[in-house]
PDB file of N, CA and C in Angstrom:
ATOM      1  N   UNK A   1     -47.908 125.524  67.765  1.00  0.00           N
ATOM      2  CA  UNK A   1     -48.193 125.186  66.381  1.00  0.00           C
ATOM      3  C   UNK A   1     -49.710 125.139  66.155  1.00  0.00           C
ATOM      4  N   UNK A   2     -50.443 124.629  67.149  1.00  0.00           N
ATOM      5  CA  UNK A   2     -51.900 124.569  67.036  1.00  0.00           C
ATOM      6  C   UNK A   2     -52.490 125.960  66.846  1.00  0.00           C
ATOM      7  N   UNK A   3     -52.037 126.899  67.660  1.00  0.00           N
ATOM      8  CA  UNK A   3     -52.531 128.266  67.560  1.00  0.00           C
ATOM      9  C   UNK A   3     -52.187 128.879  66.203  1.00  0.00           C
ATOM     10  N   UNK A   4     -51.026 128.540  65.693  1.00  0.00           N
ATOM     11  CA  UNK A   4     -50.590 129.092  64.402  1.00  0.00           C
ATOM     12  C   UNK A   4     -51.483 128.581  63.268  1.00  0.00           C
ATOM     13  N   UNK A   5     -51.811 127.306  63.288  1.00  0.00           N
ATOM     14  CA  UNK A   5     -52.693 126.740  62.261  1.00  0.00           C
ATOM     15  C   UNK A   5     -54.041 127.462  62.289  1.00  0.00           C
ATOM     16  N   UNK A   6     -54.603 127.557  63.481  1.00  0.00           N
ATOM     17  CA  UNK A   6     -55.902 128.220  63.627  1.00  0.00           C
ATOM     18  C   UNK A   6     -55.826 129.671  63.179  1.00  0.00           C
ATOM     19  N   UNK A   7     -54.783 130.369  63.588  1.00  0.00           N
ATOM     20  CA  UNK A   7     -54.615 131.775  63.227  1.00  0.00           C
ATOM     21  C   UNK A   7     -54.492 131.948  61.709  1.00  0.00           C
ATOM     22  N   UNK A   8     -53.705 131.098  61.068  1.00  0.00           N
ATOM     23  CA  UNK A   8     -53.534 131.203  59.616  1.00  0.00           C
ATOM     24  C   UNK A   8     -54.860 131.037  58.882  1.00  0.00           C
ATOM     25  N   UNK A   9     -55.648 130.079  59.330  1.00  0.00           N
ATOM     26  CA  UNK A   9     -56.935 129.836  58.671  1.00  0.00           C
ATOM     27  C   UNK A   9     -57.890 131.000  58.914  1.00  0.00           C
ATOM     28  N   UNK A  10     -57.979 131.451  60.150  1.00  0.00           N
ATOM     29  CA  UNK A  10     -58.937 132.504  60.491  1.00  0.00           C
ATOM     30  C   UNK A  10     -58.544 133.864  59.924  1.00  0.00           C
ATOM     31  N   UNK A  11     -57.247 134.131  59.808  1.00  0.00           N
ATOM     32  CA  UNK A  11     -56.777 135.412  59.278  1.00  0.00           C
ATOM     33  C   UNK A  11     -56.692 135.431  57.758  1.00  0.00           C
ATOM     34  N   UNK A  12     -56.891 134.284  57.154  1.00  0.00           N
ATOM     35  CA  UNK A  12     -56.757 134.163  55.706  1.00  0.00           C
ATOM     36  C   UNK A  12     -57.867 134.908  54.977  1.00  0.00           C
ATOM     37  N   UNK A  13     -57.489 135.664  53.974  1.00  0.00           N
ATOM     38  CA  UNK A  13     -58.466 136.291  53.085  1.00  0.00           C
ATOM     39  C   UNK A  13     -58.713 135.294  51.969  1.00  0.00           C
ATOM     40  N   UNK A  14     -59.877 134.674  51.997  1.00  0.00           N
ATOM     41  CA  UNK A  14     -60.132 133.565  51.074  1.00  0.00           C
ATOM     42  C   UNK A  14     -59.239 132.407  51.463  1.00  0.00           C
ATOM     43  N   UNK A  15     -58.508 131.897  50.497  1.00  0.00           N
ATOM     44  CA  UNK A  15     -57.609 130.761  50.749  1.00  0.00           C
ATOM     45  C   UNK A  15     -56.147 131.187  50.806  1.00  0.00           C
ATOM     46  N   UNK A  16     -55.925 132.468  50.994  1.00  0.00           N
ATOM     47  CA  UNK A  16     -54.589 133.071  50.955  1.00  0.00           C
ATOM     48  C   UNK A  16     -53.530 132.324  51.784  1.00  0.00           C
ATOM     49  N   UNK A  17     -53.853 131.947  53.022  1.00  0.00           N
ATOM     50  CA  UNK A  17     -52.868 131.306  53.905  1.00  0.00           C
ATOM     51  C   UNK A  17     -53.118 129.809  54.094  1.00  0.00           C
ATOM     52  N   UNK A  18     -54.004 129.251  53.310  1.00  0.00           N
ATOM     53  CA  UNK A  18     -54.366 127.844  53.498  1.00  0.00           C
ATOM     54  C   UNK A  18     -53.196 126.890  53.235  1.00  0.00           C
ATOM     55  N   UNK A  19     -52.357 127.192  52.256  1.00  0.00           N
ATOM     56  CA  UNK A  19     -51.215 126.311  51.983  1.00  0.00           C
ATOM     57  C   UNK A  19     -50.286 126.244  53.185  1.00  0.00           C
ATOM     58  N   UNK A  20     -49.990 127.400  53.769  1.00  0.00           N
ATOM     59  CA  UNK A  20     -49.111 127.441  54.940  1.00  0.00           C
ATOM     60  C   UNK A  20     -49.763 126.730  56.130  1.00  0.00           C
ATOM     61  N   UNK A  21     -51.061 126.951  56.330  1.00  0.00           N
ATOM     62  CA  UNK A  21     -51.782 126.288  57.425  1.00  0.00           C
ATOM     63  C   UNK A  21     -51.766 124.771  57.233  1.00  0.00           C
ATOM     64  N   UNK A  22     -51.933 124.335  55.989  1.00  0.00           N
ATOM     65  CA  UNK A  22     -51.930 122.896  55.690  1.00  0.00           C
ATOM     66  C   UNK A  22     -50.552 122.299  55.958  1.00  0.00           C
ATOM     67  N   UNK A  23     -49.500 122.997  55.565  1.00  0.00           N
ATOM     68  CA  UNK A  23     -48.137 122.519  55.840  1.00  0.00           C
ATOM     69  C   UNK A  23     -47.897 122.384  57.343  1.00  0.00           C
ATOM     70  N   UNK A  24     -48.349 123.373  58.102  1.00  0.00           N
ATOM     71  CA  UNK A  24     -48.194 123.323  59.560  1.00  0.00           C
ATOM     72  C   UNK A  24     -48.987 122.160  60.155  1.00  0.00           C
ATOM     73  N   UNK A  25     -50.200 121.956  59.662  1.00  0.00           N
ATOM     74  CA  UNK A  25     -51.043 120.877  60.173  1.00  0.00           C
ATOM     75  C   UNK A  25     -50.419 119.506  59.890  1.00  0.00           C
ATOM     76  N   UNK A  26     -49.882 119.331  58.696  1.00  0.00           N
ATOM     77  CA  UNK A  26     -49.229 118.063  58.340  1.00  0.00           C
ATOM     78  C   UNK A  26     -48.002 117.814  59.211  1.00  0.00           C
ATOM     79  N   UNK A  27     -47.212 118.869  59.428  1.00  0.00           N
ATOM     80  CA  UNK A  27     -46.022 118.744  60.270  1.00  0.00           C
ATOM     81  C   UNK A  27     -46.408 118.421  61.709  1.00  0.00           C
ATOM     82  N   UNK A  28     -47.424 119.099  62.211  1.00  0.00           N
ATOM     83  CA  UNK A  28     -47.899 118.845  63.570  1.00  0.00           C
ATOM     84  C   UNK A  28     -48.354 117.401  63.725  1.00  0.00           C
ATOM     85  N   UNK A  29     -49.084 116.899  62.745  1.00  0.00           N
ATOM     86  CA  UNK A  29     -49.567 115.514  62.787  1.00  0.00           C
ATOM     87  C   UNK A  29     -48.401 114.529  62.781  1.00  0.00           C
ATOM     88  N   UNK A  30     -47.471 114.746  61.878  1.00  0.00           N
ATOM     89  CA  UNK A  30     -46.308 113.856  61.748  1.00  0.00           C
ATOM     90  C   UNK A  30     -45.490 113.813  63.040  1.00  0.00           C
ATOM     91  N   UNK A  31     -45.211 114.969  63.607  1.00  0.00           N
ATOM     92  CA  UNK A  31     -44.403 115.040  64.829  1.00  0.00           C
ATOM     93  C   UNK A  31     -45.154 114.487  66.035  1.00  0.00           C
ATOM     94  N   UNK A  32     -46.461 114.706  66.084  1.00  0.00           N
ATOM     95  CA  UNK A  32     -47.265 114.168  67.193  1.00  0.00           C
ATOM     96  C   UNK A  32     -47.241 112.640  67.183  1.00  0.00           C
ATOM     97  N   UNK A  33     -47.335 112.057  66.001  1.00  0.00           N
ATOM     98  CA  UNK A  33     -47.274 110.595  65.887  1.00  0.00           C
ATOM     99  C   UNK A  33     -45.884 110.089  66.262  1.00  0.00           C
ATOM    100  N   UNK A  34     -44.862 110.788  65.785  1.00  0.00           N
ATOM    101  CA  UNK A  34     -43.479 110.372  66.055  1.00  0.00           C
ATOM    102  C   UNK A  34     -43.148 110.441  67.538  1.00  0.00           C
ATOM    103  N   UNK A  35     -43.678 111.458  68.221  1.00  0.00           N
ATOM    104  CA  UNK A  35     -43.385 111.644  69.641  1.00  0.00           C
ATOM    105  C   UNK A  35     -44.367 110.902  70.552  1.00  0.00           C
ATOM    106  N   UNK A  36     -45.207 110.048  69.948  1.00  0.00           N
ATOM    107  CA  UNK A  36     -46.217 109.298  70.698  1.00  0.00           C
ATOM    108  C   UNK A  36     -47.105 110.217  71.534  1.00  0.00           C
ATOM    109  N   UNK A  37     -47.564 111.291  70.911  1.00  0.00           N
ATOM    110  CA  UNK A  37     -48.507 112.211  71.540  1.00  0.00           C
ATOM    111  C   UNK A  37     -49.730 112.392  70.638  1.00  0.00           C
ATOM    112  N   UNK A  38     -50.351 111.285  70.241  1.00  0.00           N
ATOM    113  CA  UNK A  38     -51.465 111.391  69.298  1.00  0.00           C
ATOM    114  C   UNK A  38     -52.707 112.057  69.871  1.00  0.00           C
ATOM    115  N   UNK A  39     -52.928 111.900  71.174  1.00  0.00           N
ATOM    116  CA  UNK A  39     -54.152 112.453  71.761  1.00  0.00           C
ATOM    117  C   UNK A  39     -54.170 113.977  71.712  1.00  0.00           C
ATOM    118  N   UNK A  40     -53.004 114.586  71.825  1.00  0.00           N
ATOM    119  CA  UNK A  40     -52.936 116.047  71.738  1.00  0.00           C
ATOM    120  C   UNK A  40     -53.362 116.496  70.341  1.00  0.00           C
ATOM    121  N   UNK A  41     -52.831 115.832  69.318  1.00  0.00           N
ATOM    122  CA  UNK A  41     -53.211 116.176  67.950  1.00  0.00           C
ATOM    123  C   UNK A  41     -54.679 115.858  67.697  1.00  0.00           C
ATOM    124  N   UNK A  42     -55.125 114.705  68.144  1.00  0.00           N
ATOM    125  CA  UNK A  42     -56.512 114.300  67.897  1.00  0.00           C
ATOM    126  C   UNK A  42     -57.507 115.267  68.535  1.00  0.00           C
ATOM    127  N   UNK A  43     -57.229 115.700  69.752  1.00  0.00           N
ATOM    128  CA  UNK A  43     -58.103 116.691  70.407  1.00  0.00           C
ATOM    129  C   UNK A  43     -58.109 117.996  69.616  1.00  0.00           C
ATOM    130  N   UNK A  44     -56.929 118.394  69.167  1.00  0.00           N
ATOM    131  CA  UNK A  44     -56.825 119.626  68.390  1.00  0.00           C
ATOM    132  C   UNK A  44     -57.619 119.530  67.087  1.00  0.00           C
ATOM    133  N   UNK A  45     -57.481 118.422  66.371  1.00  0.00           N
ATOM    134  CA  UNK A  45     -58.177 118.280  65.096  1.00  0.00           C
ATOM    135  C   UNK A  45     -59.690 118.288  65.291  1.00  0.00           C
ATOM    136  N   UNK A  46     -60.161 117.690  66.366  1.00  0.00           N
ATOM    137  CA  UNK A  46     -61.600 117.714  66.664  1.00  0.00           C
ATOM    138  C   UNK A  46     -62.070 119.135  66.948  1.00  0.00           C
ATOM    139  N   UNK A  47     -61.295 119.868  67.737  1.00  0.00           N
ATOM    140  CA  UNK A  47     -61.643 121.268  68.034  1.00  0.00           C
ATOM    141  C   UNK A  47     -61.574 122.122  66.770  1.00  0.00           C
ATOM    142  N   UNK A  48     -60.567 121.873  65.951  1.00  0.00           N
ATOM    143  CA  UNK A  48     -60.409 122.631  64.711  1.00  0.00           C
ATOM    144  C   UNK A  48     -61.611 122.424  63.799  1.00  0.00           C
ATOM    145  N   UNK A  49     -62.055 121.199  63.691  1.00  0.00           N
ATOM    146  CA  UNK A  49     -63.226 120.905  62.860  1.00  0.00           C
ATOM    147  C   UNK A  49     -64.442 121.695  63.357  1.00  0.00           C
ATOM    148  N   UNK A  50     -64.670 121.676  64.664  1.00  0.00           N
ATOM    149  CA  UNK A  50     -65.796 122.427  65.241  1.00  0.00           C
ATOM    150  C   UNK A  50     -65.662 123.923  64.962  1.00  0.00           C
ATOM    151  N   UNK A  51     -64.464 124.455  65.127  1.00  0.00           N
ATOM    152  CA  UNK A  51     -64.219 125.876  64.898  1.00  0.00           C
ATOM    153  C   UNK A  51     -64.448 126.246  63.440  1.00  0.00           C
ATOM    154  N   UNK A  52     -63.973 125.409  62.538  1.00  0.00           N
ATOM    155  CA  UNK A  52     -64.127 125.691  61.109  1.00  0.00           C
ATOM    156  C   UNK A  52     -65.591 125.736  60.708  1.00  0.00           C
ATOM    157  N   UNK A  53     -66.368 124.824  61.243  1.00  0.00           N
ATOM    158  CA  UNK A  53     -67.799 124.805  60.938  1.00  0.00           C
ATOM    159  C   UNK A  53     -68.473 126.029  61.558  1.00  0.00           C
ATOM    160  N   UNK A  54     -68.139 126.302  62.805  1.00  0.00           N
ATOM    161  CA  UNK A  54     -68.739 127.433  63.522  1.00  0.00           C
ATOM    162  C   UNK A  54     -68.409 128.772  62.866  1.00  0.00           C
ATOM    163  N   UNK A  55     -67.181 128.928  62.401  1.00  0.00           N
ATOM    164  CA  UNK A  55     -66.722 130.198  61.832  1.00  0.00           C
ATOM    165  C   UNK A  55     -66.873 130.261  60.304  1.00  0.00           C
ATOM    166  N   UNK A  56     -67.610 129.296  59.766  1.00  0.00           N
ATOM    167  CA  UNK A  56     -67.891 129.268  58.331  1.00  0.00           C
ATOM    168  C   UNK A  56     -66.626 129.162  57.464  1.00  0.00           C
ATOM    169  N   UNK A  57     -65.688 128.365  57.907  1.00  0.00           N
ATOM    170  CA  UNK A  57     -64.460 128.111  57.150  1.00  0.00           C
ATOM    171  C   UNK A  57     -64.427 126.653  56.699  1.00  0.00           C
ATOM    172  N   UNK A  58     -65.575 126.161  56.280  1.00  0.00           N
ATOM    173  CA  UNK A  58     -65.672 124.754  55.889  1.00  0.00           C
ATOM    174  C   UNK A  58     -64.846 124.437  54.646  1.00  0.00           C
ATOM    175  N   UNK A  59     -64.483 125.454  53.871  1.00  0.00           N
ATOM    176  CA  UNK A  59     -63.641 125.187  52.707  1.00  0.00           C
ATOM    177  C   UNK A  59     -62.259 124.676  53.129  1.00  0.00           C
ATOM    178  N   UNK A  60     -61.773 125.082  54.300  1.00  0.00           N
ATOM    179  CA  UNK A  60     -60.508 124.527  54.791  1.00  0.00           C
ATOM    180  C   UNK A  60     -60.715 123.095  55.268  1.00  0.00           C
ATOM    181  N   UNK A  61     -61.847 122.840  55.905  1.00  0.00           N
ATOM    182  CA  UNK A  61     -62.141 121.461  56.319  1.00  0.00           C
ATOM    183  C   UNK A  61     -62.235 120.554  55.088  1.00  0.00           C
ATOM    184  N   UNK A  62     -62.854 121.034  54.031  1.00  0.00           N
ATOM    185  CA  UNK A  62     -62.942 120.259  52.790  1.00  0.00           C
ATOM    186  C   UNK A  62     -61.550 119.914  52.270  1.00  0.00           C
ATOM    187  N   UNK A  63     -60.649 120.825  52.425  1.00  0.00           N
ATOM    188  CA  UNK A  63     -59.267 120.583  51.990  1.00  0.00           C
ATOM    189  C   UNK A  63     -58.595 119.523  52.865  1.00  0.00           C
ATOM    190  N   UNK A  64     -58.871 119.563  54.156  1.00  0.00           N
ATOM    191  CA  UNK A  64     -58.341 118.541  55.068  1.00  0.00           C
ATOM    192  C   UNK A  64     -58.852 117.168  54.643  1.00  0.00           C
ATOM    193  N   UNK A  65     -60.132 117.085  54.330  1.00  0.00           N
ATOM    194  CA  UNK A  65     -60.743 115.827  53.891  1.00  0.00           C
ATOM    195  C   UNK A  65     -60.108 115.370  52.585  1.00  0.00           C
ATOM    196  N   UNK A  66     -59.955 116.284  51.636  1.00  0.00           N
ATOM    197  CA  UNK A  66     -59.369 115.950  50.332  1.00  0.00           C
ATOM    198  C   UNK A  66     -57.962 115.394  50.483  1.00  0.00           C
ATOM    199  N   UNK A  67     -57.198 115.961  51.414  1.00  0.00           N
ATOM    200  CA  UNK A  67     -55.817 115.517  51.629  1.00  0.00           C
ATOM    201  C   UNK A  67     -55.708 114.399  52.664  1.00  0.00           C
ATOM    202  N   UNK A  68     -56.858 113.909  53.136  1.00  0.00           N
ATOM    203  CA  UNK A  68     -56.925 112.778  54.084  1.00  0.00           C
ATOM    204  C   UNK A  68     -56.082 112.984  55.334  1.00  0.00           C
ATOM    205  N   UNK A  69     -56.168 114.158  55.906  1.00  0.00           N
ATOM    206  CA  UNK A  69     -55.480 114.424  57.169  1.00  0.00           C
ATOM    207  C   UNK A  69     -56.492 114.140  58.271  1.00  0.00           C
ATOM    208  N   UNK A  70     -56.345 112.999  58.878  1.00  0.00           N
ATOM    209  CA  UNK A  70     -57.322 112.578  59.871  1.00  0.00           C
ATOM    210  C   UNK A  70     -56.667 112.352  61.224  1.00  0.00           C
ATOM    211  N   UNK A  71     -57.431 111.841  62.143  1.00  0.00           N
ATOM    212  CA  UNK A  71     -56.924 111.535  63.474  1.00  0.00           C
ATOM    213  C   UNK A  71     -55.789 110.518  63.376  1.00  0.00           C
ATOM    214  N   UNK A  72     -54.882 110.578  64.322  1.00  0.00           N
ATOM    215  CA  UNK A  72     -53.798 109.595  64.386  1.00  0.00           C
ATOM    216  C   UNK A  72     -54.382 108.337  65.012  1.00  0.00           C
ATOM    217  N   UNK A  73     -54.345 107.238  64.266  1.00  0.00           N
ATOM    218  CA  UNK A  73     -54.938 106.000  64.770  1.00  0.00           C
ATOM    219  C   UNK A  73     -53.882 105.080  65.381  1.00  0.00           C
ATOM    220  N   UNK A  74     -54.337 103.997  65.971  1.00  0.00           N
ATOM    221  CA  UNK A  74     -53.454 103.075  66.702  1.00  0.00           C
ATOM    222  C   UNK A  74     -52.435 102.375  65.811  1.00  0.00           C
ATOM    223  N   UNK A  75     -52.658 102.333  64.510  1.00  0.00           N
ATOM    224  CA  UNK A  75     -51.664 101.732  63.613  1.00  0.00           C
ATOM    225  C   UNK A  75     -50.500 102.692  63.363  1.00  0.00           C
ATOM    226  N   UNK A  76     -50.707 103.977  63.685  1.00  0.00           N
ATOM    227  CA  UNK A  76     -49.668 104.978  63.468  1.00  0.00           C
ATOM    228  C   UNK A  76     -48.942 105.359  64.752  1.00  0.00           C
ATOM    229  N   UNK A  77     -49.590 105.076  65.877  1.00  0.00           N
ATOM    230  CA  UNK A  77     -48.977 105.351  67.173  1.00  0.00           C
ATOM    231  C   UNK A  77     -49.568 104.390  68.198  1.00  0.00           C
ATOM    232  N   UNK A  78     -48.690 103.739  68.933  1.00  0.00           N
ATOM    233  CA  UNK A  78     -49.157 102.779  69.934  1.00  0.00           C
ATOM    234  C   UNK A  78     -49.899 103.465  71.079  1.00  0.00           C
ATOM    235  N   UNK A  79     -49.741 104.770  71.206  1.00  0.00           N
ATOM    236  CA  UNK A  79     -50.404 105.524  72.269  1.00  0.00           C
ATOM    237  C   UNK A  79     -51.826 105.950  71.907  1.00  0.00           C
ATOM    238  N   UNK A  80     -52.194 105.789  70.656  1.00  0.00           N
ATOM    239  CA  UNK A  80     -53.514 106.238  70.222  1.00  0.00           C
ATOM    240  C   UNK A  80     -54.589 105.231  70.587  1.00  0.00           C
ATOM    241  N   UNK A  81     -55.736 105.744  70.998  1.00  0.00           N
ATOM    242  CA  UNK A  81     -56.887 104.897  71.311  1.00  0.00           C
ATOM    243  C   UNK A  81     -57.925 104.932  70.187  1.00  0.00           C
ATOM    244  N   UNK A  82     -57.556 105.529  69.062  1.00  0.00           N
ATOM    245  CA  UNK A  82     -58.459 105.662  67.920  1.00  0.00           C
ATOM    246  C   UNK A  82     -58.164 104.541  66.929  1.00  0.00           C
ATOM    247  N   UNK A  83     -59.211 103.836  66.501  1.00  0.00           N
ATOM    248  CA  UNK A  83     -59.022 102.793  65.491  1.00  0.00           C
ATOM    249  C   UNK A  83     -58.964 103.442  64.111  1.00  0.00           C
ATOM    250  N   UNK A  84     -58.470 102.680  63.165  1.00  0.00           N
ATOM    251  CA  UNK A  84     -58.395 103.169  61.789  1.00  0.00           C
ATOM    252  C   UNK A  84     -59.797 103.509  61.266  1.00  0.00           C
ATOM    253  N   UNK A  85     -60.770 102.688  61.618  1.00  0.00           N
ATOM    254  CA  UNK A  85     -62.154 102.906  61.184  1.00  0.00           C
ATOM    255  C   UNK A  85     -62.715 104.196  61.781  1.00  0.00           C
ATOM    256  N   UNK A  86     -62.423 104.431  63.065  1.00  0.00           N
ATOM    257  CA  UNK A  86     -62.892 105.656  63.715  1.00  0.00           C
ATOM    258  C   UNK A  86     -62.267 106.896  63.072  1.00  0.00           C
ATOM    259  N   UNK A  87     -60.997 106.784  62.716  1.00  0.00           N
ATOM    260  CA  UNK A  87     -60.310 107.911  62.079  1.00  0.00           C
ATOM    261  C   UNK A  87     -60.940 108.238  60.724  1.00  0.00           C
ATOM    262  N   UNK A  88     -61.262 107.213  59.956  1.00  0.00           N
ATOM    263  CA  UNK A  88     -61.881 107.449  58.648  1.00  0.00           C
ATOM    264  C   UNK A  88     -63.304 107.975  58.804  1.00  0.00           C
ATOM    265  N   UNK A  89     -64.012 107.474  59.804  1.00  0.00           N
ATOM    266  CA  UNK A  89     -65.375 107.945  60.054  1.00  0.00           C
ATOM    267  C   UNK A  89     -65.351 109.420  60.448  1.00  0.00           C
ATOM    268  N   UNK A  90     -64.384 109.811  61.251  1.00  0.00           N
ATOM    269  CA  UNK A  90     -64.241 111.210  61.648  1.00  0.00           C
ATOM    270  C   UNK A  90     -64.016 112.091  60.427  1.00  0.00           C
ATOM    271  N   UNK A  91     -63.196 111.613  59.523  1.00  0.00           N
ATOM    272  CA  UNK A  91     -62.876 112.383  58.323  1.00  0.00           C
ATOM    273  C   UNK A  91     -64.101 112.560  57.437  1.00  0.00           C
ATOM    274  N   UNK A  92     -64.897 111.517  57.346  1.00  0.00           N
ATOM    275  CA  UNK A  92     -66.093 111.590  56.509  1.00  0.00           C
ATOM    276  C   UNK A  92     -67.167 112.461  57.140  1.00  0.00           C
ATOM    277  N   UNK A  93     -67.203 112.482  58.450  1.00  0.00           N
ATOM    278  CA  UNK A  93     -68.213 113.282  59.134  1.00  0.00           C
ATOM    279  C   UNK A  93     -69.549 112.597  59.140  1.00  0.00           C
ATOM    280  N   UNK A  94     -70.524 113.321  59.590  1.00  0.00           N
ATOM    281  CA  UNK A  94     -71.875 112.768  59.665  1.00  0.00           C
ATOM    282  C   UNK A  94     -72.556 112.896  58.323  1.00  0.00           C
ATOM    283  N   UNK A  95     -73.231 111.836  57.961  1.00  0.00           N
ATOM    284  CA  UNK A  95     -74.015 111.864  56.733  1.00  0.00           C
ATOM    285  C   UNK A  95     -75.265 112.692  56.983  1.00  0.00           C
ATOM    286  N   UNK A  96     -75.554 113.577  56.064  1.00  0.00           N
ATOM    287  CA  UNK A  96     -76.768 114.369  56.197  1.00  0.00           C
ATOM    288  C   UNK A  96     -77.931 113.581  55.626  1.00  0.00           C
ATOM    289  N   UNK A  97     -78.942 113.464  56.441  1.00  0.00           N
ATOM    290  CA  UNK A  97     -80.126 112.734  56.003  1.00  0.00           C
ATOM    291  C   UNK A  97     -81.086 113.721  55.354  1.00  0.00           C
ATOM    292  N   UNK A  98     -81.450 113.428  54.129  1.00  0.00           N
ATOM    293  CA  UNK A  98     -82.374 114.280  53.405  1.00  0.00           C
ATOM    294  C   UNK A  98     -83.702 113.564  53.341  1.00  0.00           C
ATOM    295  N   UNK A  99     -84.721 114.230  53.849  1.00  0.00           N
ATOM    296  CA  UNK A  99     -86.045 113.621  53.821  1.00  0.00           C
ATOM    297  C   UNK A  99     -86.700 113.922  52.486  1.00  0.00           C
ATOM    298  N   UNK A 100     -87.166 112.870  51.865  1.00  0.00           N
ATOM    299  CA  UNK A 100     -87.869 113.014  50.603  1.00  0.00           C
ATOM    300  C   UNK A 100     -89.354 112.943  50.908  1.00  0.00           C
ATOM    301  N   UNK A 101     -90.102 113.970  50.502  1.00  0.00           N
ATOM    302  CA  UNK A 101     -91.531 113.940  50.804  1.00  0.00           C
ATOM    303  C   UNK A 101     -92.210 112.787  50.073  1.00  0.00           C
ATOM    304  N   UNK A 102     -93.168 112.224  50.748  1.00  0.00           N
ATOM    305  CA  UNK A 102     -93.905 111.100  50.175  1.00  0.00           C
ATOM    306  C   UNK A 102     -94.821 111.614  49.070  1.00  0.00           C
ATOM    307  N   UNK A 103     -94.795 110.930  47.946  1.00  0.00           N
ATOM    308  CA  UNK A 103     -95.652 111.300  46.828  1.00  0.00           C
ATOM    309  C   UNK A 103     -96.937 110.505  46.946  1.00  0.00           C
ATOM    310  N   UNK A 104     -98.012 111.247  47.022  1.00  0.00           N
ATOM    311  CA  UNK A 104     -99.304 110.593  47.163  1.00  0.00           C
ATOM    312  C   UNK A 104     -99.905 110.370  45.776  1.00  0.00           C
ATOM    313  N   UNK A 105    -100.537 109.255  45.638  1.00  0.00           N
ATOM    314  CA  UNK A 105    -101.223 108.965  44.381  1.00  0.00           C
ATOM    315  C   UNK A 105    -102.525 109.763  44.399  1.00  0.00           C
ATOM    316  N   UNK A 106    -102.538 110.788  43.612  1.00  0.00           N
ATOM    317  CA  UNK A 106    -103.672 111.701  43.617  1.00  0.00           C
ATOM    318  C   UNK A 106    -104.581 111.381  42.437  1.00  0.00           C
ATOM    319  N   UNK A 107    -105.779 110.933  42.744  1.00  0.00           N
ATOM    320  CA  UNK A 107    -106.736 110.579  41.695  1.00  0.00           C
ATOM    321  C   UNK A 107    -107.149 111.793  40.876  1.00  0.00           C
ATOM    322  N   UNK A 108    -107.093 112.989  41.463  1.00  0.00           N
ATOM    323  CA  UNK A 108    -107.459 114.199  40.739  1.00  0.00           C
ATOM    324  C   UNK A 108    -106.541 114.423  39.543  1.00  0.00           C
ATOM    325  N   UNK A 109    -105.234 114.147  39.731  1.00  0.00           N
ATOM    326  CA  UNK A 109    -104.294 114.314  38.627  1.00  0.00           C
ATOM    327  C   UNK A 109    -104.618 113.336  37.498  1.00  0.00           C
ATOM    328  N   UNK A 110    -104.952 112.113  37.847  1.00  0.00           N
ATOM    329  CA  UNK A 110    -105.333 111.123  36.833  1.00  0.00           C
ATOM    330  C   UNK A 110    -106.581 111.568  36.084  1.00  0.00           C
ATOM    331  N   UNK A 111    -107.558 112.114  36.826  1.00  0.00           N
ATOM    332  CA  UNK A 111    -108.794 112.593  36.196  1.00  0.00           C
ATOM    333  C   UNK A 111    -108.510 113.725  35.219  1.00  0.00           C
ATOM    334  N   UNK A 112    -107.621 114.633  35.599  1.00  0.00           N
ATOM    335  CA  UNK A 112    -107.269 115.732  34.709  1.00  0.00           C
ATOM    336  C   UNK A 112    -106.613 115.234  33.430  1.00  0.00           C
ATOM    337  N   UNK A 113    -105.741 114.244  33.584  1.00  0.00           N
ATOM    338  CA  UNK A 113    -105.071 113.691  32.407  1.00  0.00           C
ATOM    339  C   UNK A 113    -106.073 113.038  31.469  1.00  0.00           C
ATOM    340  N   UNK A 114    -107.045 112.331  32.033  1.00  0.00           N
ATOM    341  CA  UNK A 114    -108.059 111.690  31.212  1.00  0.00           C
ATOM    342  C   UNK A 114    -108.913 112.719  30.480  1.00  0.00           C
ATOM    343  N   UNK A 115    -109.173 113.847  31.107  1.00  0.00           N
ATOM    344  CA  UNK A 115    -109.974 114.907  30.490  1.00  0.00           C
ATOM    345  C   UNK A 115    -109.247 115.543  29.308  1.00  0.00           C
ATOM    346  N   UNK A 116    -107.909 115.550  29.359  1.00  0.00           N
ATOM    347  CA  UNK A 116    -107.125 116.164  28.296  1.00  0.00           C
ATOM    348  C   UNK A 116    -107.098 115.297  27.030  1.00  0.00           C
ATOM    349  N   UNK A 117    -107.360 114.043  27.171  1.00  0.00           N
ATOM    350  CA  UNK A 117    -107.288 113.140  26.027  1.00  0.00           C
ATOM    351  C   UNK A 117    -108.444 113.236  25.127  1.00  0.00           C
TER     352      UNK A 117
END
């Protein structure tokens, strides 16, 4: 099932197969939790995220985030070592830090403004 999800996303022309891939991913997650095999799903989802970013298929990852398909946490399976907080943090991803350049108080600009008056 893991290979099928990946194949559907990678072979998709645009978002053509995304609905089917999403259905497979949801089913895989549900069954993994039910069968107490959360680590298999969690490893797969982590690899899938890396692959999607690497292969420029972030629009599918955005869809995963929108539909809140995250790691299976310990509240959903007693076999999981992932906390609910860790699962949500994984879904959100890393915050991108944007550096804002420091604005210097330039006396020349003030002088120019005074000259215009």
